Amino acid sequence: MDNSRLASRYAKALFQLAKERNKVEIVKQDLSKLMDLLHESAEFTWLLESPVITSSVKVGLVAKVLAGTVDPLTLEFMQLLVEHRRESNLASTCRMFMELYKKDQGIMEAKVESAIPVDVAFLDGLKKSLEKSSKKKIEMTTETNESLIGGFILTLEDQQLDASVQSKLKRIRQELRESKK
């Protein structure tokens, strides 16, 4: 079974169990902590990925590292992953859990990429407009990309609105090339 299907199954199972126990928010926060820990701690990542350390030793070490910092449900889940030698799927399982959470909560991701930092008032207005038209909560992120020259690119889930100067210049260049033919 490929890793994405495996991670999806683990994420769905954890999400359903968390929902049954009314701990979805808590588990979401715990998984965010785990993702941060994976990115920030080379030692923790090494512990999980090391083929030299046995599963039983890893379970004990994971319990020591996470005890008191995560909910018992999250700890049990981590131990289950390690016992079944699926710890390498932790990051993708966490991402898929977050996707399930956002879908369940009616949250859409939007990203605004611009040449210069975007005005907060503009972002607030854009967010409210998107929430009104989609009837969903919008989680907005921004990114600065100087190569856009000006304007912005709005990405909402799988849709993209490119209102950048860079793309307009490319279109003009293409039209000029076609008109010379």
N, C-alpha and C. Protein backbone atom coordinates (compact mmCIF):
# COMPACT_ATOMS: atom_id res chain seq x y z
N MET A 1 0.85 -1.18 0.00
CA MET A 1 0.00 0.00 0.00
C MET A 1 0.89 1.24 0.00
N ASP A 2 0.56 2.23 -0.84
CA ASP A 2 1.42 3.41 -0.89
C ASP A 2 1.23 4.26 0.36
N ASN A 3 2.22 5.11 0.63
CA ASN A 3 2.24 5.89 1.86
C ASN A 3 1.07 6.84 2.00
N SER A 4 0.60 7.44 0.90
CA SER A 4 -0.50 8.39 1.03
C SER A 4 -1.80 7.70 1.41
N ARG A 5 -2.05 6.52 0.87
CA ARG A 5 -3.26 5.78 1.24
C ARG A 5 -3.18 5.32 2.69
N LEU A 6 -2.00 4.90 3.09
CA LEU A 6 -1.78 4.46 4.45
C LEU A 6 -1.99 5.62 5.42
N ALA A 7 -1.36 6.74 5.11
CA ALA A 7 -1.50 7.93 5.96
C ALA A 7 -2.96 8.38 6.02
N SER A 8 -3.64 8.29 4.90
CA SER A 8 -5.05 8.68 4.85
C SER A 8 -5.89 7.80 5.77
N ARG A 9 -5.63 6.51 5.76
CA ARG A 9 -6.38 5.60 6.63
C ARG A 9 -6.13 5.89 8.10
N TYR A 10 -4.87 6.11 8.45
CA TYR A 10 -4.56 6.43 9.85
C TYR A 10 -5.19 7.77 10.25
N ALA A 11 -5.12 8.74 9.38
CA ALA A 11 -5.69 10.06 9.67
C ALA A 11 -7.21 9.97 9.86
N LYS A 12 -7.87 9.24 8.98
CA LYS A 12 -9.33 9.08 9.10
C LYS A 12 -9.70 8.38 10.40
N ALA A 13 -8.97 7.33 10.73
CA ALA A 13 -9.25 6.60 11.96
C ALA A 13 -9.06 7.49 13.19
N LEU A 14 -7.96 8.24 13.21
CA LEU A 14 -7.71 9.15 14.33
C LEU A 14 -8.77 10.23 14.40
N PHE A 15 -9.14 10.78 13.25
CA PHE A 15 -10.14 11.85 13.23
C PHE A 15 -11.48 11.33 13.76
N GLN A 16 -11.90 10.15 13.31
CA GLN A 16 -13.17 9.59 13.78
C GLN A 16 -13.14 9.32 15.28
N LEU A 17 -12.04 8.79 15.76
CA LEU A 17 -11.92 8.51 17.19
C LEU A 17 -11.92 9.81 18.00
N ALA A 18 -11.19 10.80 17.52
CA ALA A 18 -11.15 12.10 18.20
C ALA A 18 -12.54 12.74 18.22
N LYS A 19 -13.28 12.58 17.13
CA LYS A 19 -14.64 13.12 17.06
C LYS A 19 -15.56 12.42 18.05
N GLU A 20 -15.45 11.09 18.12
CA GLU A 20 -16.26 10.32 19.07
C GLU A 20 -16.00 10.74 20.51
N ARG A 21 -14.75 11.07 20.80
CA ARG A 21 -14.36 11.44 22.17
C ARG A 21 -14.39 12.95 22.40
N ASN A 22 -14.89 13.72 21.44
CA ASN A 22 -14.95 15.19 21.53
C ASN A 22 -13.58 15.80 21.81
N LYS A 23 -12.57 15.31 21.09
CA LYS A 23 -11.21 15.79 21.28
C LYS A 23 -10.57 16.25 19.97
N VAL A 24 -11.39 16.60 18.98
CA VAL A 24 -10.84 16.97 17.68
C VAL A 24 -9.91 18.17 17.79
N GLU A 25 -10.33 19.21 18.50
CA GLU A 25 -9.50 20.42 18.65
C GLU A 25 -8.19 20.11 19.37
N ILE A 26 -8.29 19.30 20.41
CA ILE A 26 -7.10 18.96 21.20
C ILE A 26 -6.11 18.16 20.35
N VAL A 27 -6.62 17.17 19.62
CA VAL A 27 -5.75 16.34 18.78
C VAL A 27 -5.15 17.18 17.66
N LYS A 28 -5.94 18.09 17.10
CA LYS A 28 -5.42 18.99 16.06
C LYS A 28 -4.24 19.80 16.60
N GLN A 29 -4.39 20.35 17.79
CA GLN A 29 -3.30 21.12 18.40
C GLN A 29 -2.09 20.24 18.68
N ASP A 30 -2.33 19.02 19.14
CA ASP A 30 -1.24 18.09 19.41
C ASP A 30 -0.48 17.74 18.13
N LEU A 31 -1.22 17.50 17.05
CA LEU A 31 -0.57 17.16 15.79
C LEU A 31 0.21 18.35 15.23
N SER A 32 -0.28 19.55 15.47
CA SER A 32 0.49 20.75 15.09
C SER A 32 1.81 20.80 15.86
N LYS A 33 1.75 20.48 17.14
CA LYS A 33 2.97 20.43 17.96
C LYS A 33 3.94 19.37 17.41
N LEU A 34 3.39 18.21 17.05
CA LEU A 34 4.24 17.14 16.52
C LEU A 34 4.89 17.54 15.21
N MET A 35 4.13 18.22 14.35
CA MET A 35 4.70 18.70 13.08
C MET A 35 5.83 19.69 13.36
N ASP A 36 5.61 20.60 14.30
CA ASP A 36 6.66 21.55 14.68
C ASP A 36 7.88 20.81 15.21
N LEU A 37 7.63 19.81 16.04
CA LEU A 37 8.72 19.03 16.62
C LEU A 37 9.52 18.31 15.53
N LEU A 38 8.82 17.76 14.53
CA LEU A 38 9.51 17.11 13.42
C LEU A 38 10.39 18.08 12.64
N HIS A 39 9.90 19.32 12.47
CA HIS A 39 10.65 20.32 11.71
C HIS A 39 11.79 20.93 12.51
N GLU A 40 11.60 21.04 13.82
CA GLU A 40 12.57 21.76 14.65
C GLU A 40 13.58 20.86 15.35
N SER A 41 13.25 19.60 15.54
CA SER A 41 14.13 18.73 16.31
C SER A 41 14.69 17.59 15.46
N ALA A 42 15.94 17.73 15.12
CA ALA A 42 16.60 16.67 14.36
C ALA A 42 16.68 15.39 15.18
N GLU A 43 16.80 15.53 16.50
CA GLU A 43 16.89 14.36 17.37
C GLU A 43 15.59 13.56 17.35
N PHE A 44 14.45 14.25 17.42
CA PHE A 44 13.16 13.56 17.40
C PHE A 44 12.95 12.85 16.06
N THR A 45 13.30 13.53 14.98
CA THR A 45 13.18 12.94 13.64
C THR A 45 14.09 11.73 13.54
N TRP A 46 15.31 11.86 14.03
CA TRP A 46 16.25 10.74 14.01
C TRP A 46 15.72 9.56 14.80
N LEU A 47 15.14 9.85 15.98
CA LEU A 47 14.57 8.79 16.82
C LEU A 47 13.50 8.02 16.05
N LEU A 48 12.62 8.72 15.37
CA LEU A 48 11.55 8.07 14.63
C LEU A 48 12.05 7.30 13.42
N GLU A 49 13.05 7.83 12.75
CA GLU A 49 13.52 7.23 11.49
C GLU A 49 14.61 6.18 11.67
N SER A 50 15.19 6.10 12.82
CA SER A 50 16.31 5.19 13.03
C SER A 50 15.89 3.72 12.92
N PRO A 51 16.54 2.99 12.00
CA PRO A 51 16.23 1.57 11.87
C PRO A 51 16.93 0.74 12.96
N VAL A 52 17.87 1.35 13.65
CA VAL A 52 18.64 0.65 14.67
C VAL A 52 17.83 0.50 15.96
N ILE A 53 17.00 1.49 16.26
CA ILE A 53 16.22 1.46 17.49
C ILE A 53 14.99 0.59 17.28
N THR A 54 14.77 -0.35 18.17
CA THR A 54 13.62 -1.26 18.05
C THR A 54 12.32 -0.52 18.34
N SER A 55 11.23 -1.07 17.87
CA SER A 55 9.91 -0.46 18.08
C SER A 55 9.58 -0.31 19.56
N SER A 56 9.91 -1.34 20.34
CA SER A 56 9.58 -1.29 21.77
C SER A 56 10.34 -0.16 22.47
N VAL A 57 11.60 0.03 22.08
CA VAL A 57 12.39 1.12 22.67
C VAL A 57 11.83 2.47 22.21
N LYS A 58 11.48 2.57 20.92
CA LYS A 58 10.90 3.81 20.39
C LYS A 58 9.61 4.17 21.11
N VAL A 59 8.75 3.17 21.36
CA VAL A 59 7.48 3.42 22.06
C VAL A 59 7.75 4.05 23.42
N GLY A 60 8.72 3.50 24.14
CA GLY A 60 9.06 4.04 25.46
C GLY A 60 9.62 5.45 25.38
N LEU A 61 10.51 5.68 24.40
CA LEU A 61 11.10 7.01 24.24
C LEU A 61 10.06 8.04 23.82
N VAL A 62 9.17 7.66 22.89
CA VAL A 62 8.11 8.57 22.46
C VAL A 62 7.21 8.92 23.64
N ALA A 63 6.91 7.92 24.47
CA ALA A 63 6.08 8.16 25.66
C ALA A 63 6.75 9.16 26.60
N LYS A 64 8.08 9.00 26.79
CA LYS A 64 8.81 9.92 27.67
C LYS A 64 8.85 11.34 27.09
N VAL A 65 9.09 11.43 25.79
CA VAL A 65 9.21 12.74 25.15
C VAL A 65 7.86 13.48 25.14
N LEU A 66 6.79 12.75 24.89
CA LEU A 66 5.49 13.41 24.69
C LEU A 66 4.59 13.42 25.93
N ALA A 67 4.91 12.61 26.95
CA ALA A 67 4.07 12.55 28.15
C ALA A 67 3.90 13.93 28.76
N GLY A 68 2.66 14.28 29.03
CA GLY A 68 2.36 15.57 29.65
C GLY A 68 2.27 16.72 28.67
N THR A 69 2.70 16.53 27.44
CA THR A 69 2.63 17.62 26.46
C THR A 69 1.52 17.39 25.44
N VAL A 70 1.06 16.15 25.31
CA VAL A 70 -0.03 15.86 24.38
C VAL A 70 -1.12 15.07 25.11
N ASP A 71 -2.29 15.07 24.56
CA ASP A 71 -3.42 14.33 25.11
C ASP A 71 -3.12 12.82 25.05
N PRO A 72 -3.64 12.05 26.00
CA PRO A 72 -3.42 10.60 25.97
C PRO A 72 -3.85 9.95 24.65
N LEU A 73 -4.89 10.45 24.01
CA LEU A 73 -5.32 9.89 22.73
C LEU A 73 -4.23 10.07 21.67
N THR A 74 -3.62 11.23 21.63
CA THR A 74 -2.55 11.50 20.68
C THR A 74 -1.34 10.62 20.99
N LEU A 75 -1.04 10.46 22.26
CA LEU A 75 0.08 9.61 22.67
C LEU A 75 -0.18 8.16 22.27
N GLU A 76 -1.39 7.67 22.50
CA GLU A 76 -1.75 6.31 22.10
C GLU A 76 -1.60 6.14 20.58
N PHE A 77 -2.01 7.15 19.85
CA PHE A 77 -1.91 7.10 18.39
C PHE A 77 -0.44 7.02 17.97
N MET A 78 0.40 7.84 18.56
CA MET A 78 1.83 7.81 18.23
C MET A 78 2.42 6.44 18.55
N GLN A 79 2.06 5.91 19.68
CA GLN A 79 2.58 4.60 20.05
C GLN A 79 2.10 3.52 19.08
N LEU A 80 0.86 3.63 18.62
CA LEU A 80 0.33 2.69 17.63
C LEU A 80 1.12 2.77 16.33
N LEU A 81 1.40 4.01 15.88
CA LEU A 81 2.21 4.18 14.66
C LEU A 81 3.56 3.50 14.81
N VAL A 82 4.19 3.72 15.94
CA VAL A 82 5.53 3.17 16.16
C VAL A 82 5.48 1.64 16.26
N GLU A 83 4.49 1.12 16.98
CA GLU A 83 4.36 -0.33 17.13
C GLU A 83 4.18 -1.02 15.79
N HIS A 84 3.48 -0.35 14.88
CA HIS A 84 3.24 -0.94 13.56
C HIS A 84 4.27 -0.48 12.52
N ARG A 85 5.32 0.13 13.01
CA ARG A 85 6.43 0.59 12.16
C ARG A 85 5.95 1.54 11.07
N ARG A 86 5.08 2.44 11.43
CA ARG A 86 4.52 3.42 10.50
C ARG A 86 4.91 4.85 10.88
N GLU A 87 5.91 4.99 11.72
CA GLU A 87 6.31 6.33 12.18
C GLU A 87 6.79 7.22 11.05
N SER A 88 7.24 6.62 9.97
CA SER A 88 7.68 7.42 8.82
C SER A 88 6.49 8.11 8.14
N ASN A 89 5.29 7.69 8.46
CA ASN A 89 4.08 8.29 7.90
C ASN A 89 3.50 9.39 8.78
N LEU A 90 4.19 9.75 9.85
CA LEU A 90 3.65 10.73 10.79
C LEU A 90 3.33 12.06 10.12
N ALA A 91 4.27 12.62 9.37
CA ALA A 91 4.06 13.94 8.77
C ALA A 91 2.87 13.93 7.81
N SER A 92 2.80 12.93 6.94
CA SER A 92 1.69 12.90 5.99
C SER A 92 0.37 12.59 6.68
N THR A 93 0.40 11.81 7.73
CA THR A 93 -0.82 11.54 8.50
C THR A 93 -1.32 12.83 9.17
N CYS A 94 -0.39 13.60 9.72
CA CYS A 94 -0.77 14.88 10.34
C CYS A 94 -1.38 15.83 9.31
N ARG A 95 -0.77 15.93 8.14
CA ARG A 95 -1.31 16.79 7.09
C ARG A 95 -2.72 16.36 6.68
N MET A 96 -2.91 15.06 6.53
CA MET A 96 -4.23 14.57 6.12
C MET A 96 -5.26 14.78 7.23
N PHE A 97 -4.85 14.65 8.47
CA PHE A 97 -5.75 14.95 9.58
C PHE A 97 -6.19 16.41 9.51
N MET A 98 -5.24 17.31 9.24
CA MET A 98 -5.57 18.73 9.14
C MET A 98 -6.54 18.99 7.99
N GLU A 99 -6.38 18.28 6.88
CA GLU A 99 -7.30 18.42 5.76
C GLU A 99 -8.71 17.97 6.16
N LEU A 100 -8.79 16.85 6.87
CA LEU A 100 -10.09 16.36 7.35
C LEU A 100 -10.72 17.36 8.31
N TYR A 101 -9.89 17.93 9.17
CA TYR A 101 -10.36 18.92 10.13
C TYR A 101 -10.95 20.13 9.40
N LYS A 102 -10.21 20.64 8.42
CA LYS A 102 -10.67 21.82 7.67
C LYS A 102 -11.95 21.52 6.91
N LYS A 103 -12.03 20.36 6.33
CA LYS A 103 -13.25 19.98 5.60
C LYS A 103 -14.43 19.89 6.56
N ASP A 104 -14.20 19.27 7.71
CA ASP A 104 -15.26 19.12 8.71
C ASP A 104 -15.73 20.47 9.25
N GLN A 105 -14.80 21.40 9.41
CA GLN A 105 -15.11 22.71 9.96
C GLN A 105 -15.55 23.72 8.89
N GLY A 106 -15.53 23.32 7.62
CA GLY A 106 -15.91 24.23 6.54
C GLY A 106 -14.89 25.33 6.33
N ILE A 107 -13.62 24.99 6.41
CA ILE A 107 -12.54 25.96 6.26
C ILE A 107 -11.88 25.76 4.89
N MET A 108 -11.71 26.86 4.17
CA MET A 108 -10.98 26.83 2.89
C MET A 108 -9.68 27.61 3.06
N GLU A 109 -8.65 27.13 2.39
CA GLU A 109 -7.36 27.83 2.43
C GLU A 109 -7.26 28.79 1.26
N ALA A 110 -6.80 29.99 1.55
CA ALA A 110 -6.55 30.98 0.52
C ALA A 110 -5.13 31.51 0.72
N LYS A 111 -4.47 31.75 -0.39
CA LYS A 111 -3.09 32.26 -0.34
C LYS A 111 -3.00 33.46 -1.27
N VAL A 112 -2.46 34.54 -0.77
CA VAL A 112 -2.23 35.73 -1.58
C VAL A 112 -0.73 35.90 -1.73
N GLU A 113 -0.28 35.84 -2.97
CA GLU A 113 1.13 36.03 -3.29
C GLU A 113 1.25 37.38 -3.97
N SER A 114 2.13 38.24 -3.46
CA SER A 114 2.26 39.59 -4.02
C SER A 114 3.71 40.03 -4.06
N ALA A 115 3.97 41.07 -4.85
CA ALA A 115 5.33 41.58 -5.00
C ALA A 115 5.81 42.28 -3.74
N ILE A 116 4.90 42.91 -3.04
CA ILE A 116 5.22 43.61 -1.78
C ILE A 116 4.23 43.14 -0.72
N PRO A 117 4.56 43.32 0.56
CA PRO A 117 3.61 42.91 1.60
C PRO A 117 2.25 43.59 1.39
N VAL A 118 1.19 42.80 1.57
CA VAL A 118 -0.16 43.28 1.31
C VAL A 118 -0.72 43.99 2.54
N ASP A 119 -1.45 45.06 2.29
CA ASP A 119 -2.10 45.84 3.33
C ASP A 119 -3.10 44.97 4.09
N VAL A 120 -3.10 45.09 5.41
CA VAL A 120 -3.97 44.28 6.26
C VAL A 120 -5.45 44.56 5.96
N ALA A 121 -5.78 45.81 5.72
CA ALA A 121 -7.18 46.16 5.41
C ALA A 121 -7.63 45.48 4.12
N PHE A 122 -6.75 45.43 3.12
CA PHE A 122 -7.08 44.74 1.86
C PHE A 122 -7.32 43.26 2.11
N LEU A 123 -6.45 42.64 2.91
CA LEU A 123 -6.59 41.22 3.21
C LEU A 123 -7.89 40.93 3.96
N ASP A 124 -8.22 41.79 4.92
CA ASP A 124 -9.47 41.61 5.67
C ASP A 124 -10.68 41.70 4.75
N GLY A 125 -10.67 42.68 3.87
CA GLY A 125 -11.77 42.85 2.92
C GLY A 125 -11.87 41.67 1.97
N LEU A 126 -10.74 41.21 1.49
CA LEU A 126 -10.71 40.06 0.59
C LEU A 126 -11.22 38.82 1.30
N LYS A 127 -10.78 38.63 2.53
CA LYS A 127 -11.20 37.47 3.31
C LYS A 127 -12.71 37.49 3.53
N LYS A 128 -13.26 38.63 3.91
CA LYS A 128 -14.71 38.74 4.12
C LYS A 128 -15.47 38.49 2.84
N SER A 129 -14.97 39.00 1.74
CA SER A 129 -15.62 38.79 0.44
C SER A 129 -15.61 37.32 0.05
N LEU A 130 -14.47 36.66 0.25
CA LEU A 130 -14.37 35.23 -0.06
C LEU A 130 -15.27 34.39 0.84
N GLU A 131 -15.33 34.76 2.12
CA GLU A 131 -16.20 34.03 3.05
C GLU A 131 -17.66 34.18 2.68
N LYS A 132 -18.02 35.39 2.25
CA LYS A 132 -19.42 35.65 1.86
C LYS A 132 -19.78 34.85 0.60
N SER A 133 -18.91 34.86 -0.39
CA SER A 133 -19.22 34.18 -1.66
C SER A 133 -19.14 32.66 -1.54
N SER A 134 -18.23 32.15 -0.71
CA SER A 134 -18.08 30.69 -0.58
C SER A 134 -18.92 30.10 0.54
N LYS A 135 -19.40 30.97 1.44
CA LYS A 135 -20.15 30.54 2.62
C LYS A 135 -19.33 29.58 3.49
N LYS A 136 -18.01 29.80 3.50
CA LYS A 136 -17.10 29.00 4.32
C LYS A 136 -16.14 29.94 5.04
N LYS A 137 -15.50 29.40 6.08
CA LYS A 137 -14.45 30.15 6.75
C LYS A 137 -13.21 30.12 5.86
N ILE A 138 -12.49 31.22 5.82
CA ILE A 138 -11.29 31.31 5.00
C ILE A 138 -10.08 31.42 5.92
N GLU A 139 -9.08 30.57 5.66
CA GLU A 139 -7.80 30.63 6.36
C GLU A 139 -6.81 31.24 5.38
N MET A 140 -6.40 32.48 5.63
CA MET A 140 -5.60 33.25 4.69
C MET A 140 -4.13 33.25 5.06
N THR A 141 -3.29 33.00 4.05
CA THR A 141 -1.84 33.13 4.22
C THR A 141 -1.33 34.07 3.13
N THR A 142 -0.20 34.67 3.39
CA THR A 142 0.40 35.58 2.41
C THR A 142 1.84 35.19 2.15
N GLU A 143 2.30 35.56 0.96
CA GLU A 143 3.69 35.30 0.59
C GLU A 143 4.15 36.44 -0.31
N THR A 144 5.38 36.88 -0.11
CA THR A 144 5.94 37.94 -0.94
C THR A 144 6.83 37.30 -2.00
N ASN A 145 6.60 37.72 -3.26
CA ASN A 145 7.38 37.21 -4.39
C ASN A 145 7.67 38.39 -5.32
N GLU A 146 8.86 38.94 -5.21
CA GLU A 146 9.21 40.15 -5.97
C GLU A 146 9.17 39.96 -7.48
N SER A 147 9.29 38.72 -7.94
CA SER A 147 9.27 38.48 -9.38
C SER A 147 7.91 38.79 -10.02
N LEU A 148 6.88 38.94 -9.20
CA LEU A 148 5.55 39.28 -9.73
C LEU A 148 5.49 40.73 -10.22
N ILE A 149 6.44 41.54 -9.83
CA ILE A 149 6.58 42.95 -10.18
C ILE A 149 5.50 43.81 -9.51
N GLY A 150 4.27 43.41 -9.62
CA GLY A 150 3.14 44.12 -9.02
C GLY A 150 1.92 43.23 -9.08
N GLY A 151 0.82 43.69 -8.47
CA GLY A 151 -0.39 42.90 -8.45
C GLY A 151 -0.27 41.74 -7.49
N PHE A 152 -1.10 40.70 -7.71
CA PHE A 152 -1.10 39.56 -6.81
C PHE A 152 -1.63 38.31 -7.52
N ILE A 153 -1.39 37.17 -6.87
CA ILE A 153 -1.97 35.91 -7.30
C ILE A 153 -2.76 35.37 -6.10
N LEU A 154 -4.03 35.13 -6.32
CA LEU A 154 -4.89 34.58 -5.27
C LEU A 154 -5.14 33.11 -5.59
N THR A 155 -4.81 32.25 -4.65
CA THR A 155 -5.07 30.82 -4.81
C THR A 155 -6.08 30.41 -3.74
N LEU A 156 -7.20 29.87 -4.19
CA LEU A 156 -8.26 29.43 -3.29
C LEU A 156 -8.53 27.97 -3.61
N GLU A 157 -8.05 27.09 -2.68
CA GLU A 157 -8.14 25.66 -2.90
C GLU A 157 -7.45 25.31 -4.22
N ASP A 158 -8.20 24.88 -5.23
CA ASP A 158 -7.58 24.49 -6.50
C ASP A 158 -7.81 25.51 -7.61
N GLN A 159 -8.29 26.70 -7.25
CA GLN A 159 -8.52 27.76 -8.23
C GLN A 159 -7.49 28.86 -8.03
N GLN A 160 -7.14 29.54 -9.15
CA GLN A 160 -6.14 30.59 -9.07
C GLN A 160 -6.55 31.79 -9.91
N LEU A 161 -6.44 32.95 -9.31
CA LEU A 161 -6.66 34.21 -10.02
C LEU A 161 -5.32 34.92 -10.08
N ASP A 162 -4.79 35.08 -11.29
CA ASP A 162 -3.48 35.70 -11.48
C ASP A 162 -3.68 37.13 -11.97
N ALA A 163 -3.54 38.07 -11.06
CA ALA A 163 -3.65 39.48 -11.40
C ALA A 163 -2.30 40.16 -11.21
N SER A 164 -1.24 39.45 -11.56
CA SER A 164 0.10 40.00 -11.39
C SER A 164 0.56 40.70 -12.66
N VAL A 165 1.44 41.67 -12.49
CA VAL A 165 2.02 42.38 -13.62
C VAL A 165 2.85 41.40 -14.46
N GLN A 166 3.54 40.49 -13.81
CA GLN A 166 4.35 39.51 -14.51
C GLN A 166 3.52 38.71 -15.52
N SER A 167 2.36 38.23 -15.12
CA SER A 167 1.53 37.44 -16.04
C SER A 167 0.96 38.30 -17.15
N LYS A 168 0.63 39.55 -16.84
CA LYS A 168 0.13 40.45 -17.89
C LYS A 168 1.21 40.73 -18.93
N LEU A 169 2.44 40.91 -18.48
CA LEU A 169 3.55 41.12 -19.41
C LEU A 169 3.78 39.88 -20.28
N LYS A 170 3.65 38.70 -19.68
CA LYS A 170 3.80 37.47 -20.45
C LYS A 170 2.72 37.37 -21.53
N ARG A 171 1.48 37.73 -21.16
CA ARG A 171 0.40 37.68 -22.15
C ARG A 171 0.63 38.66 -23.29
N ILE A 172 1.08 39.85 -22.96
CA ILE A 172 1.36 40.86 -23.99
C ILE A 172 2.49 40.37 -24.90
N ARG A 173 3.54 39.81 -24.31
CA ARG A 173 4.66 39.28 -25.08
C ARG A 173 4.17 38.18 -26.03
N GLN A 174 3.31 37.29 -25.53
CA GLN A 174 2.78 36.21 -26.36
C GLN A 174 1.92 36.77 -27.50
N GLU A 175 1.11 37.75 -27.21
CA GLU A 175 0.27 38.37 -28.26
C GLU A 175 1.13 39.03 -29.32
N LEU A 176 2.21 39.68 -28.91
CA LEU A 176 3.10 40.31 -29.87
C LEU A 176 3.77 39.26 -30.78
N ARG A 177 4.18 38.15 -30.18
CA ARG A 177 4.78 37.07 -30.97
C ARG A 177 3.78 36.51 -31.97
N GLU A 178 2.57 36.33 -31.56
CA GLU A 178 1.55 35.77 -32.44
C GLU A 178 1.18 36.75 -33.55
N SER A 179 1.21 38.05 -33.24
CA SER A 179 0.86 39.03 -34.27
C SER A 179 1.94 39.18 -35.34
N LYS A 180 3.18 38.82 -35.01
CA LYS A 180 4.29 38.87 -35.98
C LYS A 180 4.22 37.72 -36.97
N LYS A 181 3.50 36.68 -36.64
CA LYS A 181 3.44 35.49 -37.52
C LYS A 181 2.55 35.70 -38.69
